[in-house]
């Protein structure tokens, strides 16, 4: 089990979000959704990706000279972007990264064994015990790498480390659902109740997600609901009211975390050759008054809600 591998794009120690107490969060690559507001676009694809930070680039040319496929060239069309990277030619050999001493180039995504991840996780065992914390597995979507995620959860449990899974809830396989059923705590995203709107915003309908949430509730799993609130997409009073009414029927929901729209992930899109889908929302935000109103709506339905989490 310890030799099983998964593709990881980040491990964050010492976090006080993504669950209770002090936590280590393991981010897995690969997600079945394409949320318009995704703040971790580097977690969408399953394979490693080349990251380029133009601000760090000095145009020394070393990466251009060493690339065996000619995937890198000076960007003549838009000089401020410095390099033009043909990602279809890139083989992820990493030679450009090896010669870039300005940290302008990096490969996002690394294959790691369960044992390698556990070696990092166990460094903070004492703090988990003192704070009631543990390990959170996020992404991407953890159920999209089910064998690895399940093995990691079970290894944590063998070491008496609390486990949480941060999930979009979209899994159609028994193996994926087993991941959700095994975790001690679920951080479960609800992005909207209308199936058509959900598909428009995320690329998939929400029937599978809602069905999985109901199944997990019947299994008496500990559940924290997370709701990203996005201007013009799912922030209507009607959607919030219907979401609160639905969640109030699920007795295992311990808390609702409202995550107001932010653009912290916007810069990541350009770094991996993607276009930010919500450019038109660059200056929009959920007002403090609207945030408080949402909290009160959930409170009226007997649910404890907070901003962030």
C-alpha atoms as a PDB file:
ATOM      1  CA  UNK A   1       0.000   0.000   0.000  1.00  0.00           C
ATOM      2  CA  UNK A   2       2.815   2.408   0.881  1.00  0.00           C
ATOM      3  CA  UNK A   3       4.278   2.088  -2.621  1.00  0.00           C
ATOM      4  CA  UNK A   4       1.097   3.225  -4.380  1.00  0.00           C
ATOM      5  CA  UNK A   5       1.621   6.508  -6.190  1.00  0.00           C
ATOM      6  CA  UNK A   6      -0.493   9.581  -6.847  1.00  0.00           C
ATOM      7  CA  UNK A   7       0.136  12.859  -8.638  1.00  0.00           C
ATOM      8  CA  UNK A   8       0.468  15.672  -6.079  1.00  0.00           C
ATOM      9  CA  UNK A   9       0.783  19.360  -6.901  1.00  0.00           C
ATOM     10  CA  UNK A  10       1.238  20.767  -3.406  1.00  0.00           C
ATOM     11  CA  UNK A  11       1.480  19.850   0.272  1.00  0.00           C
ATOM     12  CA  UNK A  12       0.784  22.630   2.766  1.00  0.00           C
ATOM     13  CA  UNK A  13       1.761  22.177   6.409  1.00  0.00           C
ATOM     14  CA  UNK A  14       0.553  24.253   9.343  1.00  0.00           C
ATOM     15  CA  UNK A  15      -2.853  25.180   7.923  1.00  0.00           C
ATOM     16  CA  UNK A  16      -5.757  26.264  10.121  1.00  0.00           C
ATOM     17  CA  UNK A  17      -8.333  26.004   7.331  1.00  0.00           C
ATOM     18  CA  UNK A  18      -9.754  22.982   5.490  1.00  0.00           C
ATOM     19  CA  UNK A  19     -11.001  21.287   8.641  1.00  0.00           C
ATOM     20  CA  UNK A  20     -10.547  21.399  12.389  1.00  0.00           C
ATOM     21  CA  UNK A  21      -7.307  22.219  14.204  1.00  0.00           C
ATOM     22  CA  UNK A  22      -3.860  22.412  12.620  1.00  0.00           C
ATOM     23  CA  UNK A  23      -3.741  20.467   9.377  1.00  0.00           C
ATOM     24  CA  UNK A  24      -1.523  19.298   6.574  1.00  0.00           C
ATOM     25  CA  UNK A  25      -3.329  19.607   3.242  1.00  0.00           C
ATOM     26  CA  UNK A  26      -2.350  17.328   0.367  1.00  0.00           C
ATOM     27  CA  UNK A  27      -3.426  18.586  -3.064  1.00  0.00           C
ATOM     28  CA  UNK A  28      -3.999  15.935  -5.754  1.00  0.00           C
ATOM     29  CA  UNK A  29      -4.073  16.682  -9.482  1.00  0.00           C
ATOM     30  CA  UNK A  30      -7.093  15.932 -11.630  1.00  0.00           C
ATOM     31  CA  UNK A  31     -10.726  17.028 -11.413  1.00  0.00           C
ATOM     32  CA  UNK A  32     -13.890  16.073 -13.364  1.00  0.00           C
ATOM     33  CA  UNK A  33     -15.322  19.602 -13.001  1.00  0.00           C
ATOM     34  CA  UNK A  34     -14.364  22.799 -14.800  1.00  0.00           C
ATOM     35  CA  UNK A  35     -15.737  25.454 -12.466  1.00  0.00           C
ATOM     36  CA  UNK A  36     -15.622  28.896 -14.060  1.00  0.00           C
ATOM     37  CA  UNK A  37     -14.233  30.373 -10.829  1.00  0.00           C
ATOM     38  CA  UNK A  38     -11.712  27.618 -10.042  1.00  0.00           C
ATOM     39  CA  UNK A  39      -8.913  29.062  -7.899  1.00  0.00           C
ATOM     40  CA  UNK A  40      -6.653  26.018  -8.358  1.00  0.00           C
ATOM     41  CA  UNK A  41      -6.563  25.572 -12.162  1.00  0.00           C
ATOM     42  CA  UNK A  42      -3.270  23.703 -11.793  1.00  0.00           C
ATOM     43  CA  UNK A  43      -5.324  20.947 -10.148  1.00  0.00           C
ATOM     44  CA  UNK A  44      -7.640  20.374 -13.115  1.00  0.00           C
ATOM     45  CA  UNK A  45      -5.478  18.223 -15.388  1.00  0.00           C
ATOM     46  CA  UNK A  46      -4.217  14.854 -14.175  1.00  0.00           C
ATOM     47  CA  UNK A  47      -0.738  15.107 -15.649  1.00  0.00           C
ATOM     48  CA  UNK A  48       2.156  17.385 -14.619  1.00  0.00           C
ATOM     49  CA  UNK A  49       2.232  20.835 -16.260  1.00  0.00           C
ATOM     50  CA  UNK A  50       4.888  23.429 -17.027  1.00  0.00           C
ATOM     51  CA  UNK A  51       4.519  26.668 -15.086  1.00  0.00           C
ATOM     52  CA  UNK A  52       6.057  29.894 -16.364  1.00  0.00           C
ATOM     53  CA  UNK A  53       6.281  33.085 -14.273  1.00  0.00           C
ATOM     54  CA  UNK A  54       7.132  35.845 -16.740  1.00  0.00           C
ATOM     55  CA  UNK A  55       7.974  38.328 -13.974  1.00  0.00           C
ATOM     56  CA  UNK A  56      10.923  36.143 -12.923  1.00  0.00           C
ATOM     57  CA  UNK A  57      12.279  35.611 -16.439  1.00  0.00           C
ATOM     58  CA  UNK A  58      15.465  37.484 -17.460  1.00  0.00           C
ATOM     59  CA  UNK A  59      15.401  36.188 -21.061  1.00  0.00           C
ATOM     60  CA  UNK A  60      18.809  34.588 -20.618  1.00  0.00           C
ATOM     61  CA  UNK A  61      17.865  32.031 -23.289  1.00  0.00           C
ATOM     62  CA  UNK A  62      19.169  28.950 -21.485  1.00  0.00           C
ATOM     63  CA  UNK A  63      15.777  27.234 -21.527  1.00  0.00           C
ATOM     64  CA  UNK A  64      15.417  27.865 -25.271  1.00  0.00           C
ATOM     65  CA  UNK A  65      18.814  26.338 -25.993  1.00  0.00           C
ATOM     66  CA  UNK A  66      18.310  23.237 -23.857  1.00  0.00           C
ATOM     67  CA  UNK A  67      14.747  22.311 -24.919  1.00  0.00           C
ATOM     68  CA  UNK A  68      15.013  19.108 -27.034  1.00  0.00           C
ATOM     69  CA  UNK A  69      11.679  19.635 -28.839  1.00  0.00           C
ATOM     70  CA  UNK A  70      11.883  23.354 -29.584  1.00  0.00           C
ATOM     71  CA  UNK A  71       8.853  24.052 -27.399  1.00  0.00           C
ATOM     72  CA  UNK A  72      10.248  27.345 -26.042  1.00  0.00           C
ATOM     73  CA  UNK A  73      10.982  30.535 -27.980  1.00  0.00           C
ATOM     74  CA  UNK A  74      11.162  34.261 -27.350  1.00  0.00           C
ATOM     75  CA  UNK A  75       7.697  35.800 -27.527  1.00  0.00           C
ATOM     76  CA  UNK A  76       7.956  38.249 -30.419  1.00  0.00           C
ATOM     77  CA  UNK A  77       4.196  38.856 -30.657  1.00  0.00           C
ATOM     78  CA  UNK A  78       3.789  39.926 -27.025  1.00  0.00           C
ATOM     79  CA  UNK A  79       7.254  40.817 -25.660  1.00  0.00           C
ATOM     80  CA  UNK A  80       5.957  41.492 -22.140  1.00  0.00           C
ATOM     81  CA  UNK A  81       5.153  37.776 -21.857  1.00  0.00           C
ATOM     82  CA  UNK A  82       8.844  37.104 -22.681  1.00  0.00           C
ATOM     83  CA  UNK A  83       8.526  33.436 -23.706  1.00  0.00           C
ATOM     84  CA  UNK A  84       6.208  31.594 -26.068  1.00  0.00           C
ATOM     85  CA  UNK A  85       5.703  28.005 -24.925  1.00  0.00           C
ATOM     86  CA  UNK A  86       4.218  25.404 -27.262  1.00  0.00           C
ATOM     87  CA  UNK A  87       2.642  23.114 -24.695  1.00  0.00           C
ATOM     88  CA  UNK A  88       1.777  20.540 -27.352  1.00  0.00           C
ATOM     89  CA  UNK A  89       5.497  20.053 -28.022  1.00  0.00           C
ATOM     90  CA  UNK A  90       6.528  20.021 -24.354  1.00  0.00           C
ATOM     91  CA  UNK A  91       7.326  16.523 -23.038  1.00  0.00           C
ATOM     92  CA  UNK A  92       7.830  17.552 -19.388  1.00  0.00           C
ATOM     93  CA  UNK A  93      11.458  16.445 -19.509  1.00  0.00           C
ATOM     94  CA  UNK A  94      12.324  19.213 -17.033  1.00  0.00           C
ATOM     95  CA  UNK A  95      15.553  20.290 -18.727  1.00  0.00           C
ATOM     96  CA  UNK A  96      14.377  23.907 -18.944  1.00  0.00           C
ATOM     97  CA  UNK A  97      13.584  23.906 -15.224  1.00  0.00           C
ATOM     98  CA  UNK A  98      17.047  22.571 -14.397  1.00  0.00           C
ATOM     99  CA  UNK A  99      18.776  25.520 -16.095  1.00  0.00           C
ATOM    100  CA  UNK A 100      16.388  28.235 -14.868  1.00  0.00           C
ATOM    101  CA  UNK A 101      18.031  29.753 -11.807  1.00  0.00           C
ATOM    102  CA  UNK A 102      15.499  32.599 -11.599  1.00  0.00           C
ATOM    103  CA  UNK A 103      12.643  30.181 -10.767  1.00  0.00           C
ATOM    104  CA  UNK A 104      10.680  31.343 -13.797  1.00  0.00           C
ATOM    105  CA  UNK A 105      10.005  27.752 -14.875  1.00  0.00           C
ATOM    106  CA  UNK A 106       8.738  24.856 -12.792  1.00  0.00           C
ATOM    107  CA  UNK A 107       6.846  21.610 -13.216  1.00  0.00           C
ATOM    108  CA  UNK A 108       3.568  21.441 -11.307  1.00  0.00           C
ATOM    109  CA  UNK A 109       2.681  17.921 -10.295  1.00  0.00           C
ATOM    110  CA  UNK A 110       4.886  15.186  -8.923  1.00  0.00           C
ATOM    111  CA  UNK A 111       4.266  11.469  -8.586  1.00  0.00           C
ATOM    112  CA  UNK A 112       4.690  10.470  -4.932  1.00  0.00           C
ATOM    113  CA  UNK A 113       4.161   7.261  -2.984  1.00  0.00           C
ATOM    114  CA  UNK A 114       1.908   6.994   0.047  1.00  0.00           C
ATOM    115  CA  UNK A 115       5.021   6.485   2.165  1.00  0.00           C
ATOM    116  CA  UNK A 116       6.606   9.679   0.819  1.00  0.00           C
ATOM    117  CA  UNK A 117       3.501  11.711   1.617  1.00  0.00           C
ATOM    118  CA  UNK A 118       3.228  10.135   5.069  1.00  0.00           C
ATOM    119  CA  UNK A 119       6.830  11.091   5.843  1.00  0.00           C
ATOM    120  CA  UNK A 120       5.785  14.740   5.448  1.00  0.00           C
ATOM    121  CA  UNK A 121       2.447  14.296   7.209  1.00  0.00           C
ATOM    122  CA  UNK A 122       3.991  12.689  10.290  1.00  0.00           C
ATOM    123  CA  UNK A 123       6.290  15.644  10.945  1.00  0.00           C
ATOM    124  CA  UNK A 124       3.382  17.442  12.626  1.00  0.00           C
ATOM    125  CA  UNK A 125       1.787  14.525  14.499  1.00  0.00           C
ATOM    126  CA  UNK A 126       2.247  16.223  17.867  1.00  0.00           C
ATOM    127  CA  UNK A 127       0.452  19.357  16.657  1.00  0.00           C
ATOM    128  CA  UNK A 128      -2.476  17.361  15.292  1.00  0.00           C
ATOM    129  CA  UNK A 129      -2.961  15.778  18.695  1.00  0.00           C
ATOM    130  CA  UNK A 130      -2.717  19.070  20.564  1.00  0.00           C
ATOM    131  CA  UNK A 131      -5.069  20.989  18.262  1.00  0.00           C
ATOM    132  CA  UNK A 132      -7.551  18.317  17.196  1.00  0.00           C
ATOM    133  CA  UNK A 133      -6.193  18.598  13.658  1.00  0.00           C
ATOM    134  CA  UNK A 134      -5.026  16.135  11.055  1.00  0.00           C
ATOM    135  CA  UNK A 135      -4.699  15.660   7.316  1.00  0.00           C
ATOM    136  CA  UNK A 136      -6.948  17.092   4.613  1.00  0.00           C
ATOM    137  CA  UNK A 137      -6.818  15.666   1.102  1.00  0.00           C
ATOM    138  CA  UNK A 138      -7.953  18.105  -1.563  1.00  0.00           C
ATOM    139  CA  UNK A 139      -7.145  19.012  -5.107  1.00  0.00           C
ATOM    140  CA  UNK A 140      -8.240  18.794  -7.787  1.00  0.00           C
ATOM    141  CA  UNK A 141     -10.616  16.074  -6.704  1.00  0.00           C
ATOM    142  CA  UNK A 142      -9.366  13.295  -4.368  1.00  0.00           C
ATOM    143  CA  UNK A 143     -11.938  10.759  -5.596  1.00  0.00           C
ATOM    144  CA  UNK A 144     -10.415  11.065  -9.076  1.00  0.00           C
ATOM    145  CA  UNK A 145      -7.333   9.203  -7.761  1.00  0.00           C
ATOM    146  CA  UNK A 146      -9.308   6.775  -5.589  1.00  0.00           C
ATOM    147  CA  UNK A 147      -6.816   3.965  -5.016  1.00  0.00           C
ATOM    148  CA  UNK A 148      -4.072   6.321  -3.867  1.00  0.00           C
ATOM    149  CA  UNK A 149      -6.402   8.493  -1.769  1.00  0.00           C
ATOM    150  CA  UNK A 150      -7.965   5.519  -0.010  1.00  0.00           C
ATOM    151  CA  UNK A 151      -4.536   4.079   0.789  1.00  0.00           C
ATOM    152  CA  UNK A 152      -3.396   7.442   2.176  1.00  0.00           C
ATOM    153  CA  UNK A 153      -6.491   7.773   4.366  1.00  0.00           C
ATOM    154  CA  UNK A 154      -6.022   4.271   5.759  1.00  0.00           C
ATOM    155  CA  UNK A 155      -2.344   4.890   6.450  1.00  0.00           C
ATOM    156  CA  UNK A 156      -3.274   8.052   8.361  1.00  0.00           C
ATOM    157  CA  UNK A 157      -5.818   6.116  10.397  1.00  0.00           C
ATOM    158  CA  UNK A 158      -3.224   3.463  11.234  1.00  0.00           C
ATOM    159  CA  UNK A 159      -1.219   6.319  12.731  1.00  0.00           C
ATOM    160  CA  UNK A 160      -4.268   7.760  14.559  1.00  0.00           C
ATOM    161  CA  UNK A 161      -4.302  10.871  12.373  1.00  0.00           C
ATOM    162  CA  UNK A 162      -7.693  12.483  11.681  1.00  0.00           C
ATOM    163  CA  UNK A 163      -8.605  12.597   7.975  1.00  0.00           C
ATOM    164  CA  UNK A 164     -10.705  15.008   5.949  1.00  0.00           C
ATOM    165  CA  UNK A 165     -11.486  14.994   2.233  1.00  0.00           C
ATOM    166  CA  UNK A 166     -12.259  18.240   0.409  1.00  0.00           C
ATOM    167  CA  UNK A 167     -14.537  17.127  -2.434  1.00  0.00           C
ATOM    168  CA  UNK A 168     -16.739  18.416  -5.223  1.00  0.00           C
ATOM    169  CA  UNK A 169     -18.863  15.324  -4.587  1.00  0.00           C
ATOM    170  CA  UNK A 170     -18.818  14.205  -8.208  1.00  0.00           C
ATOM    171  CA  UNK A 171     -17.822  10.559  -8.393  1.00  0.00           C
ATOM    172  CA  UNK A 172     -19.672   7.812 -10.236  1.00  0.00           C
ATOM    173  CA  UNK A 173     -17.496   4.856  -9.215  1.00  0.00           C
ATOM    174  CA  UNK A 174     -17.645   2.591  -6.175  1.00  0.00           C
ATOM    175  CA  UNK A 175     -13.946   3.262  -5.599  1.00  0.00           C
ATOM    176  CA  UNK A 176     -14.499   7.018  -5.566  1.00  0.00           C
ATOM    177  CA  UNK A 177     -17.418   6.782  -3.168  1.00  0.00           C
ATOM    178  CA  UNK A 178     -15.363   4.505  -0.902  1.00  0.00           C
ATOM    179  CA  UNK A 179     -12.922   7.401  -0.450  1.00  0.00           C
ATOM    180  CA  UNK A 180     -15.740   9.623   0.832  1.00  0.00           C
ATOM    181  CA  UNK A 181     -17.126   6.896   3.058  1.00  0.00           C
ATOM    182  CA  UNK A 182     -13.709   6.221   4.626  1.00  0.00           C
ATOM    183  CA  UNK A 183     -12.767   9.800   5.589  1.00  0.00           C
ATOM    184  CA  UNK A 184     -13.468  11.044   9.121  1.00  0.00           C
ATOM    185  CA  UNK A 185     -14.714  14.420   7.854  1.00  0.00           C
ATOM    186  CA  UNK A 186     -16.028  15.635   4.511  1.00  0.00           C
ATOM    187  CA  UNK A 187     -15.656  19.187   3.233  1.00  0.00           C
ATOM    188  CA  UNK A 188     -18.378  18.930   0.611  1.00  0.00           C
ATOM    189  CA  UNK A 189     -18.890  21.596  -2.056  1.00  0.00           C
ATOM    190  CA  UNK A 190     -22.369  22.697  -3.090  1.00  0.00           C
ATOM    191  CA  UNK A 191     -22.171  25.043  -6.057  1.00  0.00           C
ATOM    192  CA  UNK A 192     -25.875  25.359  -6.864  1.00  0.00           C
ATOM    193  CA  UNK A 193     -29.140  23.408  -6.822  1.00  0.00           C
ATOM    194  CA  UNK A 194     -30.400  23.982 -10.365  1.00  0.00           C
ATOM    195  CA  UNK A 195     -28.979  21.172 -12.565  1.00  0.00           C
ATOM    196  CA  UNK A 196     -28.852  23.267 -15.753  1.00  0.00           C
ATOM    197  CA  UNK A 197     -27.150  26.217 -14.051  1.00  0.00           C
ATOM    198  CA  UNK A 198     -24.751  23.830 -12.324  1.00  0.00           C
ATOM    199  CA  UNK A 199     -23.743  22.344 -15.668  1.00  0.00           C
ATOM    200  CA  UNK A 200     -23.257  25.820 -17.144  1.00  0.00           C
ATOM    201  CA  UNK A 201     -21.028  26.837 -14.219  1.00  0.00           C
ATOM    202  CA  UNK A 202     -19.052  23.628 -13.686  1.00  0.00           C
ATOM    203  CA  UNK A 203     -19.358  21.489 -16.805  1.00  0.00           C
ATOM    204  CA  UNK A 204     -21.461  18.786 -15.100  1.00  0.00           C
ATOM    205  CA  UNK A 205     -24.995  18.486 -13.764  1.00  0.00           C
ATOM    206  CA  UNK A 206     -25.427  18.156 -10.005  1.00  0.00           C
ATOM    207  CA  UNK A 207     -27.622  15.045  -9.756  1.00  0.00           C
ATOM    208  CA  UNK A 208     -24.695  12.746  -8.922  1.00  0.00           C
ATOM    209  CA  UNK A 209     -23.375  15.251  -6.368  1.00  0.00           C
ATOM    210  CA  UNK A 210     -26.709  15.630  -4.572  1.00  0.00           C
ATOM    211  CA  UNK A 211     -27.258  11.863  -4.584  1.00  0.00           C
ATOM    212  CA  UNK A 212     -23.801  11.246  -3.104  1.00  0.00           C
ATOM    213  CA  UNK A 213     -24.412  13.849  -0.404  1.00  0.00           C
ATOM    214  CA  UNK A 214     -27.675  12.182   0.587  1.00  0.00           C
ATOM    215  CA  UNK A 215     -25.961   8.772   0.706  1.00  0.00           C
ATOM    216  CA  UNK A 216     -23.175  10.135   2.898  1.00  0.00           C
ATOM    217  CA  UNK A 217     -25.709  11.743   5.204  1.00  0.00           C
ATOM    218  CA  UNK A 218     -27.425   8.369   5.624  1.00  0.00           C
ATOM    219  CA  UNK A 219     -24.034   6.864   6.521  1.00  0.00           C
ATOM    220  CA  UNK A 220     -23.839   9.435   9.337  1.00  0.00           C
ATOM    221  CA  UNK A 221     -20.627  11.005   8.059  1.00  0.00           C
ATOM    222  CA  UNK A 222     -19.427  14.280   9.564  1.00  0.00           C
ATOM    223  CA  UNK A 223     -20.025  16.918   6.890  1.00  0.00           C
ATOM    224  CA  UNK A 224     -19.052  20.558   6.485  1.00  0.00           C
ATOM    225  CA  UNK A 225     -20.699  22.144   3.457  1.00  0.00           C
ATOM    226  CA  UNK A 226     -18.673  24.656   1.457  1.00  0.00           C
ATOM    227  CA  UNK A 227     -20.444  27.098  -0.826  1.00  0.00           C
ATOM    228  CA  UNK A 228     -18.451  29.328  -3.183  1.00  0.00           C
ATOM    229  CA  UNK A 229     -20.607  32.421  -3.694  1.00  0.00           C
ATOM    230  CA  UNK A 230     -20.023  33.862  -7.160  1.00  0.00           C
ATOM    231  CA  UNK A 231     -21.605  37.133  -8.385  1.00  0.00           C
ATOM    232  CA  UNK A 232     -24.156  36.518 -11.128  1.00  0.00           C
ATOM    233  CA  UNK A 233     -23.714  32.741 -11.027  1.00  0.00           C
ATOM    234  CA  UNK A 234     -25.056  31.284  -7.774  1.00  0.00           C
ATOM    235  CA  UNK A 235     -25.549  34.250  -5.426  1.00  0.00           C
ATOM    236  CA  UNK A 236     -29.263  34.836  -6.025  1.00  0.00           C
ATOM    237  CA  UNK A 237     -31.515  34.956  -2.967  1.00  0.00           C
ATOM    238  CA  UNK A 238     -33.592  32.157  -4.504  1.00  0.00           C
ATOM    239  CA  UNK A 239     -30.612  29.806  -4.850  1.00  0.00           C
ATOM    240  CA  UNK A 240     -29.361  30.559  -1.336  1.00  0.00           C
ATOM    241  CA  UNK A 241     -32.837  30.017   0.127  1.00  0.00           C
ATOM    242  CA  UNK A 242     -33.329  26.709  -1.704  1.00  0.00           C
ATOM    243  CA  UNK A 243     -29.843  25.542  -0.745  1.00  0.00           C
ATOM    244  CA  UNK A 244     -30.482  26.324   2.921  1.00  0.00           C
ATOM    245  CA  UNK A 245     -33.831  24.509   2.841  1.00  0.00           C
ATOM    246  CA  UNK A 246     -32.223  21.437   1.258  1.00  0.00           C
ATOM    247  CA  UNK A 247     -29.273  21.331   3.645  1.00  0.00           C
ATOM    248  CA  UNK A 248     -31.548  21.669   6.675  1.00  0.00           C
ATOM    249  CA  UNK A 249     -32.930  18.223   5.812  1.00  0.00           C
ATOM    250  CA  UNK A 250     -29.478  16.650   6.225  1.00  0.00           C
ATOM    251  CA  UNK A 251     -28.821  15.967   9.895  1.00  0.00           C
ATOM    252  CA  UNK A 252     -25.086  15.317   9.455  1.00  0.00           C
ATOM    253  CA  UNK A 253     -24.262  18.847   8.287  1.00  0.00           C
ATOM    254  CA  UNK A 254     -22.174  20.353  11.087  1.00  0.00           C
ATOM    255  CA  UNK A 255     -21.552  23.734   9.495  1.00  0.00           C
ATOM    256  CA  UNK A 256     -21.878  25.718   6.286  1.00  0.00           C
ATOM    257  CA  UNK A 257     -18.800  27.620   5.093  1.00  0.00           C
ATOM    258  CA  UNK A 258     -19.541  30.423   2.643  1.00  0.00           C
ATOM    259  CA  UNK A 259     -16.574  31.233   0.404  1.00  0.00           C
ATOM    260  CA  UNK A 260     -17.124  34.650  -1.252  1.00  0.00           C
ATOM    261  CA  UNK A 261     -15.746  35.128  -4.761  1.00  0.00           C
ATOM    262  CA  UNK A 262     -12.110  36.162  -4.961  1.00  0.00           C
ATOM    263  CA  UNK A 263      -9.586  36.378  -7.768  1.00  0.00           C
ATOM    264  CA  UNK A 264      -6.517  35.062  -5.939  1.00  0.00           C
ATOM    265  CA  UNK A 265      -6.200  32.206  -8.431  1.00  0.00           C
ATOM    266  CA  UNK A 266      -6.446  34.394 -11.534  1.00  0.00           C
ATOM    267  CA  UNK A 267      -2.684  34.772 -12.000  1.00  0.00           C
ATOM    268  CA  UNK A 268      -2.236  30.988 -12.066  1.00  0.00           C
ATOM    269  CA  UNK A 269      -4.158  30.646 -15.328  1.00  0.00           C
ATOM    270  CA  UNK A 270      -1.621  32.538 -17.421  1.00  0.00           C
ATOM    271  CA  UNK A 271       1.253  30.698 -15.759  1.00  0.00           C
ATOM    272  CA  UNK A 272       0.017  27.361 -17.133  1.00  0.00           C
ATOM    273  CA  UNK A 273      -1.235  28.642 -20.486  1.00  0.00           C
ATOM    274  CA  UNK A 274      -4.926  28.942 -19.611  1.00  0.00           C
ATOM    275  CA  UNK A 275      -7.382  31.836 -19.954  1.00  0.00           C
ATOM    276  CA  UNK A 276      -9.269  33.022 -16.867  1.00  0.00           C
ATOM    277  CA  UNK A 277     -12.992  32.421 -17.613  1.00  0.00           C
ATOM    278  CA  UNK A 278     -14.371  35.149 -15.323  1.00  0.00           C
ATOM    279  CA  UNK A 279     -12.330  38.105 -16.499  1.00  0.00           C
ATOM    280  CA  UNK A 280     -15.549  40.139 -16.570  1.00  0.00           C
ATOM    281  CA  UNK A 281     -15.848  39.673 -12.790  1.00  0.00           C
ATOM    282  CA  UNK A 282     -12.391  41.049 -12.055  1.00  0.00           C
ATOM    283  CA  UNK A 283     -13.801  43.951 -10.020  1.00  0.00           C
ATOM    284  CA  UNK A 284     -16.905  42.250  -8.634  1.00  0.00           C
ATOM    285  CA  UNK A 285     -17.290  40.883  -5.134  1.00  0.00           C
ATOM    286  CA  UNK A 286     -19.909  39.731  -2.645  1.00  0.00           C
ATOM    287  CA  UNK A 287     -20.632  42.687  -0.367  1.00  0.00           C
ATOM    288  CA  UNK A 288     -20.381  42.292   3.426  1.00  0.00           C
ATOM    289  CA  UNK A 289     -24.131  42.947   3.591  1.00  0.00           C
ATOM    290  CA  UNK A 290     -24.844  40.123   1.136  1.00  0.00           C
ATOM    291  CA  UNK A 291     -22.533  37.805   3.071  1.00  0.00           C
ATOM    292  CA  UNK A 292     -24.346  38.544   6.326  1.00  0.00           C
ATOM    293  CA  UNK A 293     -27.727  38.066   4.647  1.00  0.00           C
ATOM    294  CA  UNK A 294     -26.639  34.634   3.418  1.00  0.00           C
ATOM    295  CA  UNK A 295     -25.524  33.670   6.933  1.00  0.00           C
ATOM    296  CA  UNK A 296     -28.901  34.734   8.315  1.00  0.00           C
ATOM    297  CA  UNK A 297     -30.723  32.709   5.648  1.00  0.00           C
ATOM    298  CA  UNK A 298     -28.925  29.558   6.729  1.00  0.00           C
ATOM    299  CA  UNK A 299     -29.512  30.436  10.387  1.00  0.00           C
ATOM    300  CA  UNK A 300     -33.278  30.658   9.764  1.00  0.00           C
ATOM    301  CA  UNK A 301     -33.101  27.066   8.590  1.00  0.00           C
ATOM    302  CA  UNK A 302     -31.273  25.978  11.736  1.00  0.00           C
ATOM    303  CA  UNK A 303     -27.819  25.830  10.162  1.00  0.00           C
ATOM    304  CA  UNK A 304     -24.609  27.268  11.576  1.00  0.00           C
ATOM    305  CA  UNK A 305     -22.887  29.256   8.849  1.00  0.00           C
ATOM    306  CA  UNK A 306     -19.724  31.311   8.657  1.00  0.00           C
ATOM    307  CA  UNK A 307     -17.618  33.168   6.121  1.00  0.00           C
ATOM    308  CA  UNK A 308     -14.534  31.187   5.118  1.00  0.00           C
ATOM    309  CA  UNK A 309     -13.251  27.949   6.537  1.00  0.00           C
END
